[in-house]
Amino acid sequence: MPEKSKYPYKNLTDRDKEVLDKAVLNYLLEYYSLMTKYPHPKKFVIKEGSKLFSSGKVTLTLFSIISIKENPENKPIRPEDLKKSLTDKLSNPLTTFSDEIANQIKNISNGLNSRALNEKVLKDLEGILHNIQGEENYKKYFSNAPGRKPQNGTEDRGGKRSIYIVDEEIEQLKETLKNPKSIEYLHNKLLKSGFLYKIMKFCFMTMSYLIKSNESNLFQFLIQGEEALKIKLPQKVIEGISSLADHVKNMSDKQIEIESDNAAKSFVNEKEFFYLIVPLFGFIKP
């Protein structure tokens, strides 16, 4: 067993800790804002959650954050490149759960025109991406002339030049999260605050009510999870999905609260689980 260090985060600089503390603050502000508006997850699902999932906004936002996370440091993002990244992710899911889900994902991809990209994606990422317009700014990073076909094969039809710069705070967070100790630091901070349990319980309850409202939400959760974690679900998990959905749909409000409470208490100390999901949540900015 490795010896416990008296200073477990000594390889994190003061700057690293400052960046991570901001991420923790963002978690808490986002949670507080949501809880103030919707004290109970069921109300959130009825008012907003189901609509967000059925419209594909949740899937598009999550996949966009994954693309931003994967984007090389300090490299601007063109709208057409983000659109291509999203289309590629949607068109090639790791698992096809059913024809119905495949069609839903296909419809999200087919409906991702320039207007939809602006309204369903870029507007929601204003705290993460900063829009810069103008020919000079564009040419600074991309030298292709209007109407020409760039080397990456993405067609450029000319028009008003626009690029997006990843927020400096997000770039710093991406760099800091490369150190495994940084995620342990985040886990420890949220755990000691007592909010990690509350946030996870709210998330588990929200997921349950979304599944009750529409079974396809469960499949969207799984597709998003696969893309975020870069794993393919085992066949036995896929085969058990329908029974899981049936179980959740037959649960009462009280049962949902009890099971979500138990799940939150079980997972709150599971660092491996936290390590998988927290880097994405770190990109949330209130």
C-alpha atoms as a PDB file:
ATOM      1  CA  MET A   1       0.000   0.000   0.000  1.00  0.00           C
ATOM      2  CA  PRO A   2       1.481   3.375  -1.020  1.00  0.00           C
ATOM      3  CA  GLU A   3       2.422   5.635   1.853  1.00  0.00           C
ATOM      4  CA  LYS A   4       0.069   8.563   2.400  1.00  0.00           C
ATOM      5  CA  SER A   5       1.760  11.894   1.953  1.00  0.00           C
ATOM      6  CA  LYS A   6       1.351  14.616   4.537  1.00  0.00           C
ATOM      7  CA  TYR A   7       1.043  17.025   1.618  1.00  0.00           C
ATOM      8  CA  PRO A   8      -0.920  15.077  -1.056  1.00  0.00           C
ATOM      9  CA  TYR A   9      -1.152  18.051  -3.421  1.00  0.00           C
ATOM     10  CA  LYS A  10       2.398  19.333  -3.143  1.00  0.00           C
ATOM     11  CA  ASN A  11       2.950  18.879  -6.887  1.00  0.00           C
ATOM     12  CA  LEU A  12       0.074  21.273  -7.609  1.00  0.00           C
ATOM     13  CA  THR A  13       1.155  24.887  -7.890  1.00  0.00           C
ATOM     14  CA  ASP A  14      -0.734  27.773  -6.323  1.00  0.00           C
ATOM     15  CA  ARG A  15      -1.897  28.653  -9.834  1.00  0.00           C
ATOM     16  CA  ASP A  16      -3.209  25.100 -10.340  1.00  0.00           C
ATOM     17  CA  LYS A  17      -5.166  25.293  -7.096  1.00  0.00           C
ATOM     18  CA  GLU A  18      -6.579  28.678  -8.052  1.00  0.00           C
ATOM     19  CA  VAL A  19      -7.845  27.250 -11.358  1.00  0.00           C
ATOM     20  CA  LEU A  20      -9.338  24.205  -9.618  1.00  0.00           C
ATOM     21  CA  ASP A  21     -10.966  26.300  -6.897  1.00  0.00           C
ATOM     22  CA  LYS A  22     -12.698  28.307  -9.629  1.00  0.00           C
ATOM     23  CA  ALA A  23     -14.004  25.049 -11.135  1.00  0.00           C
ATOM     24  CA  VAL A  24     -15.380  24.028  -7.729  1.00  0.00           C
ATOM     25  CA  LEU A  25     -17.046  27.427  -7.377  1.00  0.00           C
ATOM     26  CA  ASN A  26     -18.613  27.000 -10.811  1.00  0.00           C
ATOM     27  CA  TYR A  27     -20.029  23.597  -9.797  1.00  0.00           C
ATOM     28  CA  LEU A  28     -21.585  25.085  -6.677  1.00  0.00           C
ATOM     29  CA  LEU A  29     -22.977  28.197  -8.375  1.00  0.00           C
ATOM     30  CA  GLU A  30     -24.542  26.108 -11.135  1.00  0.00           C
ATOM     31  CA  TYR A  31     -26.071  23.733  -8.579  1.00  0.00           C
ATOM     32  CA  TYR A  32     -27.338  26.616  -6.410  1.00  0.00           C
ATOM     33  CA  SER A  33     -28.884  28.339  -9.431  1.00  0.00           C
ATOM     34  CA  LEU A  34     -30.654  25.146 -10.523  1.00  0.00           C
ATOM     35  CA  MET A  35     -31.860  24.306  -7.016  1.00  0.00           C
ATOM     36  CA  THR A  36     -33.178  27.846  -6.481  1.00  0.00           C
ATOM     37  CA  LYS A  37     -35.247  27.582  -9.637  1.00  0.00           C
ATOM     38  CA  TYR A  38     -36.206  23.920  -9.229  1.00  0.00           C
ATOM     39  CA  PRO A  39     -35.952  22.658  -5.620  1.00  0.00           C
ATOM     40  CA  HIS A  40     -37.101  19.217  -6.785  1.00  0.00           C
ATOM     41  CA  PRO A  41     -35.673  17.377  -9.842  1.00  0.00           C
ATOM     42  CA  LYS A  42     -39.169  16.334 -10.978  1.00  0.00           C
ATOM     43  CA  LYS A  43     -40.093  19.979 -11.535  1.00  0.00           C
ATOM     44  CA  PHE A  44     -36.946  20.517 -13.572  1.00  0.00           C
ATOM     45  CA  VAL A  45     -37.743  17.523 -15.792  1.00  0.00           C
ATOM     46  CA  ILE A  46     -41.354  18.643 -16.317  1.00  0.00           C
ATOM     47  CA  LYS A  47     -40.465  22.260 -17.083  1.00  0.00           C
ATOM     48  CA  GLU A  48     -37.200  21.902 -18.992  1.00  0.00           C
ATOM     49  CA  GLY A  49     -35.426  18.542 -18.889  1.00  0.00           C
ATOM     50  CA  SER A  50     -37.658  16.502 -21.193  1.00  0.00           C
ATOM     51  CA  LYS A  51     -37.793  19.297 -23.761  1.00  0.00           C
ATOM     52  CA  LEU A  52     -34.022  19.722 -23.738  1.00  0.00           C
ATOM     53  CA  PHE A  53     -33.479  16.003 -24.313  1.00  0.00           C
ATOM     54  CA  SER A  54     -36.129  15.616 -27.010  1.00  0.00           C
ATOM     55  CA  SER A  55     -34.722  18.604 -28.916  1.00  0.00           C
ATOM     56  CA  GLY A  56     -31.216  17.132 -28.867  1.00  0.00           C
ATOM     57  CA  LYS A  57     -29.751  20.195 -27.095  1.00  0.00           C
ATOM     58  CA  VAL A  58     -28.314  18.154 -24.231  1.00  0.00           C
ATOM     59  CA  THR A  59     -26.594  15.738 -26.613  1.00  0.00           C
ATOM     60  CA  LEU A  60     -25.240  18.558 -28.777  1.00  0.00           C
ATOM     61  CA  THR A  61     -23.968  20.538 -25.798  1.00  0.00           C
ATOM     62  CA  LEU A  62     -22.213  17.547 -24.242  1.00  0.00           C
ATOM     63  CA  PHE A  63     -20.642  16.463 -27.538  1.00  0.00           C
ATOM     64  CA  SER A  64     -19.523  20.070 -28.108  1.00  0.00           C
ATOM     65  CA  ILE A  65     -17.829  20.169 -24.707  1.00  0.00           C
ATOM     66  CA  ILE A  66     -16.078  16.883 -25.544  1.00  0.00           C
ATOM     67  CA  SER A  67     -14.881  18.434 -28.834  1.00  0.00           C
ATOM     68  CA  ILE A  68     -13.615  21.522 -26.989  1.00  0.00           C
ATOM     69  CA  LYS A  69     -11.846  19.305 -24.470  1.00  0.00           C
ATOM     70  CA  GLU A  70     -10.142  17.461 -27.341  1.00  0.00           C
ATOM     71  CA  ASN A  71      -9.290  20.654 -29.244  1.00  0.00           C
ATOM     72  CA  PRO A  72      -5.531  21.409 -29.298  1.00  0.00           C
ATOM     73  CA  GLU A  73      -4.479  24.075 -26.824  1.00  0.00           C
ATOM     74  CA  ASN A  74      -5.066  27.670 -27.947  1.00  0.00           C
ATOM     75  CA  LYS A  75      -6.321  26.580 -31.377  1.00  0.00           C
ATOM     76  CA  PRO A  76      -9.327  28.631 -32.608  1.00  0.00           C
ATOM     77  CA  ILE A  77     -12.440  26.740 -33.656  1.00  0.00           C
ATOM     78  CA  ARG A  78     -14.344  27.480 -36.848  1.00  0.00           C
ATOM     79  CA  PRO A  79     -18.123  26.891 -36.752  1.00  0.00           C
ATOM     80  CA  GLU A  80     -17.857  24.521 -39.725  1.00  0.00           C
ATOM     81  CA  ASP A  81     -15.181  22.475 -37.941  1.00  0.00           C
ATOM     82  CA  LEU A  82     -17.305  22.169 -34.785  1.00  0.00           C
ATOM     83  CA  LYS A  83     -20.277  21.169 -36.942  1.00  0.00           C
ATOM     84  CA  LYS A  84     -18.189  18.484 -38.652  1.00  0.00           C
ATOM     85  CA  SER A  85     -16.935  17.177 -35.305  1.00  0.00           C
ATOM     86  CA  LEU A  86     -20.493  16.931 -33.966  1.00  0.00           C
ATOM     87  CA  THR A  87     -21.777  15.278 -37.139  1.00  0.00           C
ATOM     88  CA  ASP A  88     -18.972  12.711 -37.041  1.00  0.00           C
ATOM     89  CA  LYS A  89     -19.714  11.855 -33.397  1.00  0.00           C
ATOM     90  CA  LEU A  90     -23.451  11.582 -34.042  1.00  0.00           C
ATOM     91  CA  SER A  91     -23.049   9.580 -37.246  1.00  0.00           C
ATOM     92  CA  ASN A  92     -20.728   6.982 -35.741  1.00  0.00           C
ATOM     93  CA  PRO A  93     -21.994   6.055 -32.249  1.00  0.00           C
ATOM     94  CA  LEU A  94     -20.090   3.266 -30.535  1.00  0.00           C
ATOM     95  CA  THR A  95     -23.304   1.312 -30.001  1.00  0.00           C
ATOM     96  CA  THR A  96     -26.621   1.168 -31.878  1.00  0.00           C
ATOM     97  CA  PHE A  97     -29.271   0.404 -29.284  1.00  0.00           C
ATOM     98  CA  SER A  98     -32.339   0.342 -31.525  1.00  0.00           C
ATOM     99  CA  ASP A  99     -33.660   1.657 -34.841  1.00  0.00           C
ATOM    100  CA  GLU A 100     -35.665   4.277 -32.955  1.00  0.00           C
ATOM    101  CA  ILE A 101     -32.593   5.657 -31.183  1.00  0.00           C
ATOM    102  CA  ALA A 102     -30.523   5.463 -34.370  1.00  0.00           C
ATOM    103  CA  ASN A 103     -33.164   7.574 -36.144  1.00  0.00           C
ATOM    104  CA  GLN A 104     -33.250  10.095 -33.292  1.00  0.00           C
ATOM    105  CA  ILE A 105     -29.490  10.539 -33.418  1.00  0.00           C
ATOM    106  CA  LYS A 106     -29.598  10.725 -37.216  1.00  0.00           C
ATOM    107  CA  ASN A 107     -32.289  13.432 -37.050  1.00  0.00           C
ATOM    108  CA  ILE A 108     -30.167  15.470 -34.623  1.00  0.00           C
ATOM    109  CA  SER A 109     -27.257  15.198 -37.055  1.00  0.00           C
ATOM    110  CA  ASN A 110     -29.355  16.010 -40.149  1.00  0.00           C
ATOM    111  CA  GLY A 111     -30.906  19.024 -38.434  1.00  0.00           C
ATOM    112  CA  LEU A 112     -27.549  20.530 -37.527  1.00  0.00           C
ATOM    113  CA  ASN A 113     -27.504  23.357 -40.062  1.00  0.00           C
ATOM    114  CA  SER A 114     -25.830  26.723 -39.431  1.00  0.00           C
ATOM    115  CA  ARG A 115     -28.888  28.167 -37.700  1.00  0.00           C
ATOM    116  CA  ALA A 116     -29.296  25.143 -35.431  1.00  0.00           C
ATOM    117  CA  LEU A 117     -25.576  25.244 -34.597  1.00  0.00           C
ATOM    118  CA  ASN A 118     -25.933  28.866 -33.483  1.00  0.00           C
ATOM    119  CA  GLU A 119     -29.196  28.427 -31.565  1.00  0.00           C
ATOM    120  CA  LYS A 120     -28.688  24.993 -30.008  1.00  0.00           C
ATOM    121  CA  VAL A 121     -24.932  24.961 -29.472  1.00  0.00           C
ATOM    122  CA  LEU A 122     -22.955  28.178 -29.747  1.00  0.00           C
ATOM    123  CA  LYS A 123     -25.369  30.325 -27.711  1.00  0.00           C
ATOM    124  CA  ASP A 124     -25.153  27.853 -24.829  1.00  0.00           C
ATOM    125  CA  LEU A 125     -21.359  27.892 -24.967  1.00  0.00           C
ATOM    126  CA  GLU A 126     -20.902  31.659 -24.684  1.00  0.00           C
ATOM    127  CA  GLY A 127     -19.051  31.320 -21.389  1.00  0.00           C
ATOM    128  CA  ILE A 128     -16.729  28.706 -22.864  1.00  0.00           C
ATOM    129  CA  LEU A 129     -16.200  30.063 -26.384  1.00  0.00           C
ATOM    130  CA  HIS A 130     -15.660  33.686 -27.414  1.00  0.00           C
ATOM    131  CA  ASN A 131     -16.715  34.753 -30.894  1.00  0.00           C
ATOM    132  CA  ILE A 132     -14.243  36.810 -32.929  1.00  0.00           C
ATOM    133  CA  GLN A 133     -15.292  38.186 -36.304  1.00  0.00           C
ATOM    134  CA  GLY A 134     -13.419  39.874 -39.091  1.00  0.00           C
ATOM    135  CA  GLU A 135     -11.269  38.892 -42.056  1.00  0.00           C
ATOM    136  CA  GLU A 136      -7.980  39.859 -40.413  1.00  0.00           C
ATOM    137  CA  ASN A 137      -8.618  37.763 -37.316  1.00  0.00           C
ATOM    138  CA  TYR A 138      -9.607  34.838 -39.520  1.00  0.00           C
ATOM    139  CA  LYS A 139      -6.527  35.090 -41.732  1.00  0.00           C
ATOM    140  CA  LYS A 140      -4.333  35.195 -38.639  1.00  0.00           C
ATOM    141  CA  TYR A 141      -5.156  31.529 -38.065  1.00  0.00           C
ATOM    142  CA  PHE A 142      -6.604  30.288 -41.377  1.00  0.00           C
ATOM    143  CA  SER A 143      -5.135  31.309 -44.707  1.00  0.00           C
ATOM    144  CA  ASN A 144      -7.727  29.805 -47.066  1.00  0.00           C
ATOM    145  CA  ALA A 145      -9.365  32.338 -49.349  1.00  0.00           C
ATOM    146  CA  PRO A 146     -13.208  32.613 -49.500  1.00  0.00           C
ATOM    147  CA  GLY A 147     -14.779  29.942 -51.677  1.00  0.00           C
ATOM    148  CA  ARG A 148     -11.694  27.711 -51.663  1.00  0.00           C
ATOM    149  CA  LYS A 149     -11.704  24.220 -50.244  1.00  0.00           C
ATOM    150  CA  PRO A 150      -9.508  23.930 -47.135  1.00  0.00           C
ATOM    151  CA  GLN A 151      -6.990  21.141 -46.781  1.00  0.00           C
ATOM    152  CA  ASN A 152      -9.136  19.322 -44.189  1.00  0.00           C
ATOM    153  CA  GLY A 153     -11.896  18.888 -46.767  1.00  0.00           C
ATOM    154  CA  THR A 154     -14.421  21.172 -45.053  1.00  0.00           C
ATOM    155  CA  GLU A 155     -16.071  23.377 -47.640  1.00  0.00           C
ATOM    156  CA  ASP A 156     -15.804  27.117 -47.077  1.00  0.00           C
ATOM    157  CA  ARG A 157     -18.537  29.016 -48.911  1.00  0.00           C
ATOM    158  CA  GLY A 158     -17.187  32.442 -47.977  1.00  0.00           C
ATOM    159  CA  GLY A 159     -19.409  35.006 -46.247  1.00  0.00           C
ATOM    160  CA  LYS A 160     -18.828  36.703 -42.907  1.00  0.00           C
ATOM    161  CA  ARG A 161     -15.693  35.343 -41.263  1.00  0.00           C
ATOM    162  CA  SER A 162     -16.125  34.036 -37.752  1.00  0.00           C
ATOM    163  CA  ILE A 163     -13.975  32.009 -35.393  1.00  0.00           C
ATOM    164  CA  TYR A 164     -14.291  30.967 -31.757  1.00  0.00           C
ATOM    165  CA  ILE A 165     -11.559  31.152 -29.144  1.00  0.00           C
ATOM    166  CA  VAL A 166     -11.705  28.833 -26.145  1.00  0.00           C
ATOM    167  CA  ASP A 167     -11.954  30.834 -22.911  1.00  0.00           C
ATOM    168  CA  GLU A 168      -8.588  31.300 -21.194  1.00  0.00           C
ATOM    169  CA  GLU A 169      -9.934  29.894 -17.917  1.00  0.00           C
ATOM    170  CA  ILE A 170     -11.069  26.738 -19.727  1.00  0.00           C
ATOM    171  CA  GLU A 171      -7.684  26.350 -21.423  1.00  0.00           C
ATOM    172  CA  GLN A 172      -6.004  26.639 -18.018  1.00  0.00           C
ATOM    173  CA  LEU A 173      -8.381  24.041 -16.598  1.00  0.00           C
ATOM    174  CA  LYS A 174      -7.650  21.660 -19.497  1.00  0.00           C
ATOM    175  CA  GLU A 175      -3.937  21.978 -18.826  1.00  0.00           C
ATOM    176  CA  THR A 176      -4.310  21.601 -15.039  1.00  0.00           C
ATOM    177  CA  LEU A 177      -6.501  18.497 -15.371  1.00  0.00           C
ATOM    178  CA  LYS A 178      -3.639  16.668 -17.097  1.00  0.00           C
ATOM    179  CA  ASN A 179      -2.186  16.223 -13.613  1.00  0.00           C
ATOM    180  CA  PRO A 180      -4.031  13.271 -11.945  1.00  0.00           C
ATOM    181  CA  LYS A 181      -3.676  14.984  -8.575  1.00  0.00           C
ATOM    182  CA  SER A 182      -5.884  17.829  -9.805  1.00  0.00           C
ATOM    183  CA  ILE A 183      -8.954  15.593 -10.083  1.00  0.00           C
ATOM    184  CA  GLU A 184      -8.270  14.168  -6.641  1.00  0.00           C
ATOM    185  CA  TYR A 185      -8.065  17.751  -5.391  1.00  0.00           C
ATOM    186  CA  LEU A 186     -11.483  18.553  -6.931  1.00  0.00           C
ATOM    187  CA  HIS A 187     -13.011  15.411  -5.439  1.00  0.00           C
ATOM    188  CA  ASN A 188     -11.672  16.239  -1.997  1.00  0.00           C
ATOM    189  CA  LYS A 189     -12.927  19.823  -2.159  1.00  0.00           C
ATOM    190  CA  LEU A 190     -16.457  18.897  -3.227  1.00  0.00           C
ATOM    191  CA  LEU A 191     -16.621  15.948  -0.848  1.00  0.00           C
ATOM    192  CA  LYS A 192     -15.600  18.025   2.178  1.00  0.00           C
ATOM    193  CA  SER A 193     -18.065  20.770   1.255  1.00  0.00           C
ATOM    194  CA  GLY A 194     -20.925  18.268   1.502  1.00  0.00           C
ATOM    195  CA  PHE A 195     -22.231  19.345  -1.888  1.00  0.00           C
ATOM    196  CA  LEU A 196     -20.911  16.381  -3.866  1.00  0.00           C
ATOM    197  CA  TYR A 197     -23.529  14.089  -2.300  1.00  0.00           C
ATOM    198  CA  LYS A 198     -26.307  16.644  -2.900  1.00  0.00           C
ATOM    199  CA  ILE A 199     -25.290  17.213  -6.514  1.00  0.00           C
ATOM    200  CA  MET A 200     -25.076  13.496  -7.248  1.00  0.00           C
ATOM    201  CA  LYS A 201     -28.449  12.786  -5.638  1.00  0.00           C
ATOM    202  CA  PHE A 202     -30.037  15.556  -7.707  1.00  0.00           C
ATOM    203  CA  CYS A 203     -28.434  14.095 -10.856  1.00  0.00           C
ATOM    204  CA  PHE A 204     -29.612  10.535 -10.106  1.00  0.00           C
ATOM    205  CA  MET A 205     -33.163  11.736  -9.400  1.00  0.00           C
ATOM    206  CA  THR A 206     -33.202  13.854 -12.563  1.00  0.00           C
ATOM    207  CA  MET A 207     -32.030  10.887 -14.624  1.00  0.00           C
ATOM    208  CA  SER A 208     -34.784   8.693 -13.142  1.00  0.00           C
ATOM    209  CA  TYR A 209     -37.535  11.193 -13.946  1.00  0.00           C
ATOM    210  CA  LEU A 210     -36.189  11.677 -17.463  1.00  0.00           C
ATOM    211  CA  ILE A 211     -36.346   7.907 -18.003  1.00  0.00           C
ATOM    212  CA  LYS A 212     -39.910   7.844 -16.636  1.00  0.00           C
ATOM    213  CA  SER A 213     -40.897  10.587 -19.068  1.00  0.00           C
ATOM    214  CA  ASN A 214     -39.358   8.817 -22.062  1.00  0.00           C
ATOM    215  CA  GLU A 215     -37.404   5.553 -22.212  1.00  0.00           C
ATOM    216  CA  SER A 216     -35.291   6.846 -25.100  1.00  0.00           C
ATOM    217  CA  ASN A 217     -33.659   9.312 -22.676  1.00  0.00           C
ATOM    218  CA  LEU A 218     -31.863   6.350 -21.096  1.00  0.00           C
ATOM    219  CA  PHE A 219     -30.370   5.405 -24.455  1.00  0.00           C
ATOM    220  CA  GLN A 220     -29.260   9.004 -25.010  1.00  0.00           C
ATOM    221  CA  PHE A 221     -27.599   8.967 -21.570  1.00  0.00           C
ATOM    222  CA  LEU A 222     -25.704   5.816 -22.515  1.00  0.00           C
ATOM    223  CA  ILE A 223     -24.645   7.111 -25.938  1.00  0.00           C
ATOM    224  CA  GLN A 224     -23.365  10.305 -24.330  1.00  0.00           C
ATOM    225  CA  GLY A 225     -21.552   8.329 -21.655  1.00  0.00           C
ATOM    226  CA  GLU A 226     -19.877   6.123 -24.248  1.00  0.00           C
ATOM    227  CA  GLU A 227     -18.685   9.130 -26.223  1.00  0.00           C
ATOM    228  CA  ALA A 228     -17.462  10.957 -23.121  1.00  0.00           C
ATOM    229  CA  LEU A 229     -15.595   7.944 -21.726  1.00  0.00           C
ATOM    230  CA  LYS A 230     -14.545   6.472 -25.086  1.00  0.00           C
ATOM    231  CA  ILE A 231     -15.797   3.003 -24.138  1.00  0.00           C
ATOM    232  CA  LYS A 232     -18.119   0.525 -25.784  1.00  0.00           C
ATOM    233  CA  LEU A 233     -20.749  -0.980 -23.506  1.00  0.00           C
ATOM    234  CA  PRO A 234     -20.656  -4.774 -23.031  1.00  0.00           C
ATOM    235  CA  GLN A 235     -23.470  -6.713 -24.687  1.00  0.00           C
ATOM    236  CA  LYS A 236     -24.869  -7.867 -21.350  1.00  0.00           C
ATOM    237  CA  VAL A 237     -25.318  -4.225 -20.315  1.00  0.00           C
ATOM    238  CA  ILE A 238     -27.147  -3.448 -23.542  1.00  0.00           C
ATOM    239  CA  GLU A 239     -29.419  -6.460 -23.051  1.00  0.00           C
ATOM    240  CA  GLY A 240     -30.330  -5.305 -19.544  1.00  0.00           C
ATOM    241  CA  ILE A 241     -31.258  -1.767 -20.565  1.00  0.00           C
ATOM    242  CA  SER A 242     -34.955  -2.467 -21.187  1.00  0.00           C
ATOM    243  CA  SER A 243     -35.416  -4.077 -17.772  1.00  0.00           C
ATOM    244  CA  LEU A 244     -33.653  -1.128 -16.139  1.00  0.00           C
ATOM    245  CA  ALA A 245     -35.996   1.292 -17.912  1.00  0.00           C
ATOM    246  CA  ASP A 246     -39.041  -0.785 -16.880  1.00  0.00           C
ATOM    247  CA  HIS A 247     -37.812  -0.796 -13.279  1.00  0.00           C
ATOM    248  CA  VAL A 248     -37.414   2.980 -13.200  1.00  0.00           C
ATOM    249  CA  LYS A 249     -40.759   3.629 -14.912  1.00  0.00           C
ATOM    250  CA  ASN A 250     -42.558   1.608 -12.232  1.00  0.00           C
ATOM    251  CA  MET A 251     -40.912   3.423  -9.322  1.00  0.00           C
ATOM    252  CA  SER A 252     -42.849   5.853  -7.148  1.00  0.00           C
ATOM    253  CA  ASP A 253     -41.508   9.290  -6.256  1.00  0.00           C
ATOM    254  CA  LYS A 254     -40.531   7.975  -2.831  1.00  0.00           C
ATOM    255  CA  GLN A 255     -38.688   4.990  -4.335  1.00  0.00           C
ATOM    256  CA  ILE A 256     -36.822   7.286  -6.727  1.00  0.00           C
ATOM    257  CA  GLU A 257     -35.672   9.446  -3.829  1.00  0.00           C
ATOM    258  CA  ILE A 258     -34.585   6.442  -1.739  1.00  0.00           C
ATOM    259  CA  GLU A 259     -32.680   4.744  -4.578  1.00  0.00           C
ATOM    260  CA  SER A 260     -31.080   8.024  -5.681  1.00  0.00           C
ATOM    261  CA  ASP A 261     -30.043   8.696  -2.097  1.00  0.00           C
ATOM    262  CA  ASN A 262     -28.476   5.231  -1.830  1.00  0.00           C
ATOM    263  CA  ALA A 263     -26.731   5.616  -5.199  1.00  0.00           C
ATOM    264  CA  ALA A 264     -25.319   9.033  -4.238  1.00  0.00           C
ATOM    265  CA  LYS A 265     -24.022   7.704  -0.916  1.00  0.00           C
ATOM    266  CA  SER A 266     -22.482   4.721  -2.703  1.00  0.00           C
ATOM    267  CA  PHE A 267     -20.765   6.714  -5.456  1.00  0.00           C
ATOM    268  CA  VAL A 268     -19.736   9.795  -3.506  1.00  0.00           C
ATOM    269  CA  ASN A 269     -16.522   8.135  -2.308  1.00  0.00           C
ATOM    270  CA  GLU A 270     -15.812   6.282  -5.566  1.00  0.00           C
ATOM    271  CA  LYS A 271     -12.900   8.303  -6.860  1.00  0.00           C
ATOM    272  CA  GLU A 272     -12.662   6.273 -10.073  1.00  0.00           C
ATOM    273  CA  PHE A 273     -16.261   7.190 -10.955  1.00  0.00           C
ATOM    274  CA  PHE A 274     -15.600  10.829 -10.110  1.00  0.00           C
ATOM    275  CA  TYR A 275     -12.408  10.837 -12.195  1.00  0.00           C
ATOM    276  CA  LEU A 276     -14.398   9.757 -15.246  1.00  0.00           C
ATOM    277  CA  ILE A 277     -17.092  12.416 -15.102  1.00  0.00           C
ATOM    278  CA  VAL A 278     -15.601  15.459 -13.390  1.00  0.00           C
ATOM    279  CA  PRO A 279     -13.396  16.765 -16.231  1.00  0.00           C
ATOM    280  CA  LEU A 280     -16.527  17.454 -18.296  1.00  0.00           C
ATOM    281  CA  PHE A 281     -18.386  19.144 -15.463  1.00  0.00           C
ATOM    282  CA  GLY A 282     -15.365  21.378 -15.013  1.00  0.00           C
ATOM    283  CA  PHE A 283     -16.339  23.087 -18.270  1.00  0.00           C
ATOM    284  CA  ILE A 284     -19.617  24.358 -16.804  1.00  0.00           C
ATOM    285  CA  LYS A 285     -19.566  28.115 -16.310  1.00  0.00           C
ATOM    286  CA  PRO A 286     -22.521  29.896 -14.627  1.00  0.00           C
END
